[in-house]
Amino acid sequence: MATTQTPIRVMTVDDHPLLLEGLAMVIRNQADMALVGQASNGRDALQQYSKLRPDVTLMDLNLPDMSGIDGMIAIHAQFPKARVVIMTLFEGDAPVERALEAGADSYILKSMAPSGIVDAIRRVHAGERRVPAEIAAKIVEHIGREKLTLREIDVLRHTALGQRNRDIGEKLFITEATVKVHMKRIMEKLGARDRTQAVTIAARRGIIQL
């Protein structure tokens, strides 16, 4: 753990001013931390990181110009040793897996108590990969299940908009029969009995957003 002489230098990235202010208050109340920068989008985060080189960066999953995962990947491309904690409101397992596979050091919920947030910062700064127990449990629940392909996710997104198979096929430049095959595979992978339940399960798990 850092001492008061060498505080953990933290940068926060989120497009909601109130959340940025809340995080700032939490971090400034820690004797072993210092808030060195704030950003409201992915591009600004990369520029700020280049200038400030924080020890730990807290980055929102959903930013206005790119996903937090893409923002983290952009930072890692220039600074491979950057330590990034992805933050989100969603409890689904799919975004967690994507973030961890892309190199996130931790994945936390914005609804966590301040003590949980600063604990994650300290653990990541110490070189640990930190995933809260409630999130880890959701990942374990779906281990071993086959993941949806990018094309299947595209089909599911259009399904969520209420589009028919024929319409989805036209949008994705595939046949209606191919859409039906994709839907069959989607329902099998998600354990859904119909299209509506498939959309509901996918939204709950964070595979798509409604």
C-alpha atoms as a PDB file:
ATOM      1  CA  MET A   1       0.000   0.000   0.000  1.00  0.00           C
ATOM      2  CA  ALA A   2       1.242   3.490  -0.821  1.00  0.00           C
ATOM      3  CA  THR A   3       2.223   5.836   1.979  1.00  0.00           C
ATOM      4  CA  THR A   4       1.201   9.461   2.408  1.00  0.00           C
ATOM      5  CA  GLN A   5       4.587  10.418   0.880  1.00  0.00           C
ATOM      6  CA  THR A   6       3.880   8.412  -2.278  1.00  0.00           C
ATOM      7  CA  PRO A   7       0.118   8.548  -2.848  1.00  0.00           C
ATOM      8  CA  ILE A   8      -1.593   6.420  -5.465  1.00  0.00           C
ATOM      9  CA  ARG A   9      -2.154   8.771  -8.405  1.00  0.00           C
ATOM     10  CA  VAL A  10      -5.681   8.224  -9.742  1.00  0.00           C
ATOM     11  CA  MET A  11      -7.440   9.433 -12.897  1.00  0.00           C
ATOM     12  CA  THR A  12     -11.203   9.094 -13.380  1.00  0.00           C
ATOM     13  CA  VAL A  13     -13.070   8.862 -16.693  1.00  0.00           C
ATOM     14  CA  ASP A  14     -16.853   9.261 -16.873  1.00  0.00           C
ATOM     15  CA  ASP A  15     -19.278  11.467 -18.816  1.00  0.00           C
ATOM     16  CA  HIS A  16     -21.515  12.123 -15.780  1.00  0.00           C
ATOM     17  CA  PRO A  17     -20.298  15.195 -13.824  1.00  0.00           C
ATOM     18  CA  LEU A  18     -22.016  14.092 -10.617  1.00  0.00           C
ATOM     19  CA  LEU A  19     -20.261  10.731 -10.633  1.00  0.00           C
ATOM     20  CA  LEU A  20     -16.910  12.379 -11.343  1.00  0.00           C
ATOM     21  CA  GLU A  21     -17.476  14.686  -8.394  1.00  0.00           C
ATOM     22  CA  GLY A  22     -18.494  11.793  -6.168  1.00  0.00           C
ATOM     23  CA  LEU A  23     -15.399   9.814  -7.093  1.00  0.00           C
ATOM     24  CA  ALA A  24     -13.254  12.895  -6.550  1.00  0.00           C
ATOM     25  CA  MET A  25     -14.629  13.276  -3.030  1.00  0.00           C
ATOM     26  CA  VAL A  26     -14.021   9.610  -2.218  1.00  0.00           C
ATOM     27  CA  ILE A  27     -10.446   9.670  -3.532  1.00  0.00           C
ATOM     28  CA  ARG A  28      -9.526  12.977  -1.883  1.00  0.00           C
ATOM     29  CA  ASN A  29     -10.677  11.591   1.457  1.00  0.00           C
ATOM     30  CA  GLN A  30      -8.030   8.844   1.274  1.00  0.00           C
ATOM     31  CA  ALA A  31      -4.683   9.692   2.845  1.00  0.00           C
ATOM     32  CA  ASP A  32      -2.874   7.372   0.436  1.00  0.00           C
ATOM     33  CA  MET A  33      -4.476   8.638  -2.802  1.00  0.00           C
ATOM     34  CA  ALA A  34      -4.345  11.719  -4.989  1.00  0.00           C
ATOM     35  CA  LEU A  35      -6.750  12.619  -7.806  1.00  0.00           C
ATOM     36  CA  VAL A  36      -4.521  13.792 -10.663  1.00  0.00           C
ATOM     37  CA  GLY A  37      -6.984  14.034 -13.532  1.00  0.00           C
ATOM     38  CA  GLN A  38     -10.524  13.683 -14.838  1.00  0.00           C
ATOM     39  CA  ALA A  39     -11.848  13.021 -18.349  1.00  0.00           C
ATOM     40  CA  SER A  40     -15.327  12.790 -19.838  1.00  0.00           C
ATOM     41  CA  ASN A  41     -14.653  10.671 -22.940  1.00  0.00           C
ATOM     42  CA  GLY A  42     -12.217   8.137 -24.336  1.00  0.00           C
ATOM     43  CA  ARG A  43     -10.203  10.500 -26.509  1.00  0.00           C
ATOM     44  CA  ASP A  44      -9.713  12.942 -23.654  1.00  0.00           C
ATOM     45  CA  ALA A  45      -8.764  10.026 -21.391  1.00  0.00           C
ATOM     46  CA  LEU A  46      -5.944   9.000 -23.733  1.00  0.00           C
ATOM     47  CA  GLN A  47      -4.644  12.573 -23.929  1.00  0.00           C
ATOM     48  CA  GLN A  48      -4.845  13.015 -20.160  1.00  0.00           C
ATOM     49  CA  TYR A  49      -3.152   9.675 -19.540  1.00  0.00           C
ATOM     50  CA  SER A  50      -0.294  10.618 -21.860  1.00  0.00           C
ATOM     51  CA  LYS A  51       0.320  13.781 -19.862  1.00  0.00           C
ATOM     52  CA  LEU A  52      -0.349  12.556 -16.329  1.00  0.00           C
ATOM     53  CA  ARG A  53       0.670   8.861 -16.321  1.00  0.00           C
ATOM     54  CA  PRO A  54      -1.609   7.976 -13.347  1.00  0.00           C
ATOM     55  CA  ASP A  55      -0.981   4.834 -11.318  1.00  0.00           C
ATOM     56  CA  VAL A  56      -4.599   3.693 -11.646  1.00  0.00           C
ATOM     57  CA  THR A  57      -7.351   4.828 -14.023  1.00  0.00           C
ATOM     58  CA  LEU A  58     -11.062   4.366 -13.279  1.00  0.00           C
ATOM     59  CA  MET A  59     -12.911   4.234 -16.613  1.00  0.00           C
ATOM     60  CA  ASP A  60     -16.638   4.055 -17.283  1.00  0.00           C
ATOM     61  CA  LEU A  61     -17.754   1.191 -19.518  1.00  0.00           C
ATOM     62  CA  ASN A  62     -20.014   3.441 -21.621  1.00  0.00           C
ATOM     63  CA  LEU A  63     -18.472   6.671 -22.867  1.00  0.00           C
ATOM     64  CA  PRO A  64     -19.992   9.036 -25.459  1.00  0.00           C
ATOM     65  CA  ASP A  65     -17.308   8.510 -28.131  1.00  0.00           C
ATOM     66  CA  MET A  66     -16.298   4.875 -27.544  1.00  0.00           C
ATOM     67  CA  SER A  67     -16.709   2.065 -25.050  1.00  0.00           C
ATOM     68  CA  GLY A  68     -14.549   2.136 -21.937  1.00  0.00           C
ATOM     69  CA  ILE A  69     -13.034  -1.146 -23.129  1.00  0.00           C
ATOM     70  CA  ASP A  70     -11.946   0.467 -26.407  1.00  0.00           C
ATOM     71  CA  GLY A  71     -10.607   3.438 -24.451  1.00  0.00           C
ATOM     72  CA  MET A  72      -8.593   1.095 -22.262  1.00  0.00           C
ATOM     73  CA  ILE A  73      -7.269  -0.749 -25.328  1.00  0.00           C
ATOM     74  CA  ALA A  74      -6.164   2.590 -26.829  1.00  0.00           C
ATOM     75  CA  ILE A  75      -4.293   3.463 -23.637  1.00  0.00           C
ATOM     76  CA  HIS A  76      -2.713   0.009 -23.435  1.00  0.00           C
ATOM     77  CA  ALA A  77      -1.555   0.315 -27.060  1.00  0.00           C
ATOM     78  CA  GLN A  78       0.702   3.198 -26.020  1.00  0.00           C
ATOM     79  CA  PHE A  79       1.205   2.339 -22.370  1.00  0.00           C
ATOM     80  CA  PRO A  80       1.120  -1.475 -21.938  1.00  0.00           C
ATOM     81  CA  LYS A  81       1.662  -1.291 -18.170  1.00  0.00           C
ATOM     82  CA  ALA A  82      -1.304   1.036 -17.562  1.00  0.00           C
ATOM     83  CA  ARG A  83      -3.574  -0.191 -14.783  1.00  0.00           C
ATOM     84  CA  VAL A  84      -7.250   0.304 -15.577  1.00  0.00           C
ATOM     85  CA  VAL A  85     -10.393  -0.374 -13.556  1.00  0.00           C
ATOM     86  CA  ILE A  86     -13.593  -0.555 -15.623  1.00  0.00           C
ATOM     87  CA  MET A  87     -16.711   0.847 -13.918  1.00  0.00           C
ATOM     88  CA  THR A  88     -20.317   0.130 -14.843  1.00  0.00           C
ATOM     89  CA  LEU A  89     -23.912   0.148 -13.663  1.00  0.00           C
ATOM     90  CA  PHE A  90     -24.544  -3.231 -15.311  1.00  0.00           C
ATOM     91  CA  GLU A  91     -24.189  -6.494 -13.412  1.00  0.00           C
ATOM     92  CA  GLY A  92     -24.213  -8.796 -16.450  1.00  0.00           C
ATOM     93  CA  ASP A  93     -21.383 -11.257 -17.006  1.00  0.00           C
ATOM     94  CA  ALA A  94     -20.712 -10.533 -20.703  1.00  0.00           C
ATOM     95  CA  PRO A  95     -19.168  -7.042 -20.315  1.00  0.00           C
ATOM     96  CA  VAL A  96     -17.043  -8.295 -17.413  1.00  0.00           C
ATOM     97  CA  GLU A  97     -15.567 -11.075 -19.528  1.00  0.00           C
ATOM     98  CA  ARG A  98     -14.925  -8.694 -22.439  1.00  0.00           C
ATOM     99  CA  ALA A  99     -13.196  -6.200 -20.150  1.00  0.00           C
ATOM    100  CA  LEU A 100     -11.000  -8.782 -18.430  1.00  0.00           C
ATOM    101  CA  GLU A 101     -10.085 -10.447 -21.727  1.00  0.00           C
ATOM    102  CA  ALA A 102      -9.110  -7.014 -23.088  1.00  0.00           C
ATOM    103  CA  GLY A 103      -6.759  -6.412 -20.170  1.00  0.00           C
ATOM    104  CA  ALA A 104      -8.754  -4.695 -17.415  1.00  0.00           C
ATOM    105  CA  ASP A 105      -7.180  -5.044 -13.970  1.00  0.00           C
ATOM    106  CA  SER A 106     -10.532  -4.820 -12.219  1.00  0.00           C
ATOM    107  CA  TYR A 107     -14.224  -4.426 -12.928  1.00  0.00           C
ATOM    108  CA  ILE A 108     -16.402  -2.676 -10.365  1.00  0.00           C
ATOM    109  CA  LEU A 109     -20.000  -1.552 -10.045  1.00  0.00           C
ATOM    110  CA  LYS A 110     -20.714   2.144  -9.618  1.00  0.00           C
ATOM    111  CA  SER A 111     -23.218   1.170  -6.938  1.00  0.00           C
ATOM    112  CA  MET A 112     -20.457  -0.231  -4.719  1.00  0.00           C
ATOM    113  CA  ALA A 113     -19.770   1.403  -1.369  1.00  0.00           C
ATOM    114  CA  PRO A 114     -16.837   3.857  -1.404  1.00  0.00           C
ATOM    115  CA  SER A 115     -14.834   1.368   0.673  1.00  0.00           C
ATOM    116  CA  GLY A 116     -15.134  -1.192  -2.138  1.00  0.00           C
ATOM    117  CA  ILE A 117     -13.996   1.306  -4.761  1.00  0.00           C
ATOM    118  CA  VAL A 118     -10.897   2.417  -2.867  1.00  0.00           C
ATOM    119  CA  ASP A 119     -10.112  -1.206  -1.998  1.00  0.00           C
ATOM    120  CA  ALA A 120     -10.128  -2.027  -5.717  1.00  0.00           C
ATOM    121  CA  ILE A 121      -7.808   0.917  -6.412  1.00  0.00           C
ATOM    122  CA  ARG A 122      -5.351  -0.202  -3.735  1.00  0.00           C
ATOM    123  CA  ARG A 123      -5.386  -3.831  -4.867  1.00  0.00           C
ATOM    124  CA  VAL A 124      -4.865  -2.931  -8.529  1.00  0.00           C
ATOM    125  CA  HIS A 125      -2.053  -0.567  -7.596  1.00  0.00           C
ATOM    126  CA  ALA A 126      -0.468  -3.435  -5.670  1.00  0.00           C
ATOM    127  CA  GLY A 127      -0.534  -5.564  -8.816  1.00  0.00           C
ATOM    128  CA  GLU A 128      -3.648  -7.648  -8.129  1.00  0.00           C
ATOM    129  CA  ARG A 129      -6.550  -8.285 -10.496  1.00  0.00           C
ATOM    130  CA  ARG A 130      -9.667  -7.499  -8.506  1.00  0.00           C
ATOM    131  CA  VAL A 131     -13.200  -8.693  -9.310  1.00  0.00           C
ATOM    132  CA  PRO A 132     -15.862  -8.279  -6.583  1.00  0.00           C
ATOM    133  CA  ALA A 133     -17.394 -11.528  -5.371  1.00  0.00           C
ATOM    134  CA  GLU A 134     -20.884 -10.758  -6.672  1.00  0.00           C
ATOM    135  CA  ILE A 135     -19.525 -10.167 -10.183  1.00  0.00           C
ATOM    136  CA  ALA A 136     -17.237 -13.209 -10.072  1.00  0.00           C
ATOM    137  CA  ALA A 137     -20.251 -15.358  -9.171  1.00  0.00           C
ATOM    138  CA  LYS A 138     -22.064 -14.242 -12.323  1.00  0.00           C
ATOM    139  CA  ILE A 139     -19.048 -15.152 -14.458  1.00  0.00           C
ATOM    140  CA  VAL A 140     -18.778 -18.593 -12.885  1.00  0.00           C
ATOM    141  CA  GLU A 141     -22.474 -19.200 -13.561  1.00  0.00           C
ATOM    142  CA  HIS A 142     -21.868 -19.066 -17.317  1.00  0.00           C
ATOM    143  CA  ILE A 143     -18.433 -20.694 -17.563  1.00  0.00           C
ATOM    144  CA  GLY A 144     -18.350 -23.388 -20.229  1.00  0.00           C
ATOM    145  CA  ARG A 145     -21.322 -22.054 -22.167  1.00  0.00           C
ATOM    146  CA  GLU A 146     -20.725 -21.303 -25.813  1.00  0.00           C
ATOM    147  CA  LYS A 147     -20.563 -17.578 -26.539  1.00  0.00           C
ATOM    148  CA  LEU A 148     -22.624 -15.799 -29.157  1.00  0.00           C
ATOM    149  CA  THR A 149     -20.767 -14.862 -32.329  1.00  0.00           C
ATOM    150  CA  LEU A 150     -20.629 -11.239 -33.482  1.00  0.00           C
ATOM    151  CA  ARG A 151     -23.135 -12.046 -36.213  1.00  0.00           C
ATOM    152  CA  GLU A 152     -25.514 -13.649 -33.709  1.00  0.00           C
ATOM    153  CA  ILE A 153     -25.263 -10.561 -31.517  1.00  0.00           C
ATOM    154  CA  ASP A 154     -26.099  -8.394 -34.543  1.00  0.00           C
ATOM    155  CA  VAL A 155     -29.158 -10.541 -35.245  1.00  0.00           C
ATOM    156  CA  LEU A 156     -30.205 -10.293 -31.601  1.00  0.00           C
ATOM    157  CA  ARG A 157     -29.849  -6.510 -31.569  1.00  0.00           C
ATOM    158  CA  HIS A 158     -32.160  -6.211 -34.553  1.00  0.00           C
ATOM    159  CA  THR A 159     -34.569  -8.687 -32.968  1.00  0.00           C
ATOM    160  CA  ALA A 160     -34.670  -6.476 -29.870  1.00  0.00           C
ATOM    161  CA  LEU A 161     -35.855  -3.634 -32.106  1.00  0.00           C
ATOM    162  CA  GLY A 162     -38.877  -5.735 -33.080  1.00  0.00           C
ATOM    163  CA  GLN A 163     -37.703  -6.505 -36.609  1.00  0.00           C
ATOM    164  CA  ARG A 164     -38.860  -9.612 -38.458  1.00  0.00           C
ATOM    165  CA  ASN A 165     -36.459 -12.202 -39.847  1.00  0.00           C
ATOM    166  CA  ARG A 166     -36.931 -10.873 -43.376  1.00  0.00           C
ATOM    167  CA  ASP A 167     -36.141  -7.317 -42.257  1.00  0.00           C
ATOM    168  CA  ILE A 168     -33.088  -8.480 -40.294  1.00  0.00           C
ATOM    169  CA  GLY A 169     -31.823 -10.374 -43.333  1.00  0.00           C
ATOM    170  CA  GLU A 170     -32.121  -7.267 -45.506  1.00  0.00           C
ATOM    171  CA  LYS A 171     -30.305  -5.151 -42.917  1.00  0.00           C
ATOM    172  CA  LEU A 172     -27.449  -7.653 -42.548  1.00  0.00           C
ATOM    173  CA  PHE A 173     -27.359  -8.755 -46.217  1.00  0.00           C
ATOM    174  CA  ILE A 174     -28.131 -12.380 -45.411  1.00  0.00           C
ATOM    175  CA  THR A 175     -31.073 -14.614 -46.293  1.00  0.00           C
ATOM    176  CA  GLU A 176     -34.155 -15.004 -44.133  1.00  0.00           C
ATOM    177  CA  ALA A 177     -33.281 -18.700 -43.756  1.00  0.00           C
ATOM    178  CA  THR A 178     -29.844 -17.767 -42.419  1.00  0.00           C
ATOM    179  CA  VAL A 179     -31.443 -15.437 -39.870  1.00  0.00           C
ATOM    180  CA  LYS A 180     -33.637 -18.323 -38.703  1.00  0.00           C
ATOM    181  CA  VAL A 181     -30.556 -20.523 -38.261  1.00  0.00           C
ATOM    182  CA  HIS A 182     -28.854 -17.782 -36.230  1.00  0.00           C
ATOM    183  CA  MET A 183     -31.936 -17.371 -34.041  1.00  0.00           C
ATOM    184  CA  LYS A 184     -32.072 -21.108 -33.392  1.00  0.00           C
ATOM    185  CA  ARG A 185     -28.410 -21.090 -32.299  1.00  0.00           C
ATOM    186  CA  ILE A 186     -28.940 -17.969 -30.168  1.00  0.00           C
ATOM    187  CA  MET A 187     -31.815 -19.561 -28.270  1.00  0.00           C
ATOM    188  CA  GLU A 188     -29.830 -22.761 -27.744  1.00  0.00           C
ATOM    189  CA  LYS A 189     -26.801 -20.903 -26.391  1.00  0.00           C
ATOM    190  CA  LEU A 190     -28.852 -18.665 -24.100  1.00  0.00           C
ATOM    191  CA  GLY A 191     -31.251 -21.382 -22.973  1.00  0.00           C
ATOM    192  CA  ALA A 192     -34.206 -19.347 -24.209  1.00  0.00           C
ATOM    193  CA  ARG A 193     -37.547 -20.800 -25.280  1.00  0.00           C
ATOM    194  CA  ASP A 194     -38.366 -18.002 -27.752  1.00  0.00           C
ATOM    195  CA  ARG A 195     -37.077 -14.757 -29.306  1.00  0.00           C
ATOM    196  CA  THR A 196     -38.491 -12.541 -26.572  1.00  0.00           C
ATOM    197  CA  GLN A 197     -36.825 -14.512 -23.802  1.00  0.00           C
ATOM    198  CA  ALA A 198     -33.555 -14.546 -25.763  1.00  0.00           C
ATOM    199  CA  VAL A 199     -33.597 -10.738 -25.880  1.00  0.00           C
ATOM    200  CA  THR A 200     -34.437 -10.529 -22.174  1.00  0.00           C
ATOM    201  CA  ILE A 201     -31.621 -12.894 -21.172  1.00  0.00           C
ATOM    202  CA  ALA A 202     -29.109 -11.142 -23.432  1.00  0.00           C
ATOM    203  CA  ALA A 203     -30.008  -7.749 -21.995  1.00  0.00           C
ATOM    204  CA  ARG A 204     -29.748  -9.018 -18.417  1.00  0.00           C
ATOM    205  CA  ARG A 205     -26.331 -10.514 -19.100  1.00  0.00           C
ATOM    206  CA  GLY A 206     -25.108  -7.359 -20.818  1.00  0.00           C
ATOM    207  CA  ILE A 207     -24.674  -9.009 -24.232  1.00  0.00           C
ATOM    208  CA  ILE A 208     -26.905  -6.312 -25.747  1.00  0.00           C
ATOM    209  CA  GLN A 209     -28.363  -3.095 -24.422  1.00  0.00           C
ATOM    210  CA  LEU A 210     -32.015  -2.180 -24.767  1.00  0.00           C
END
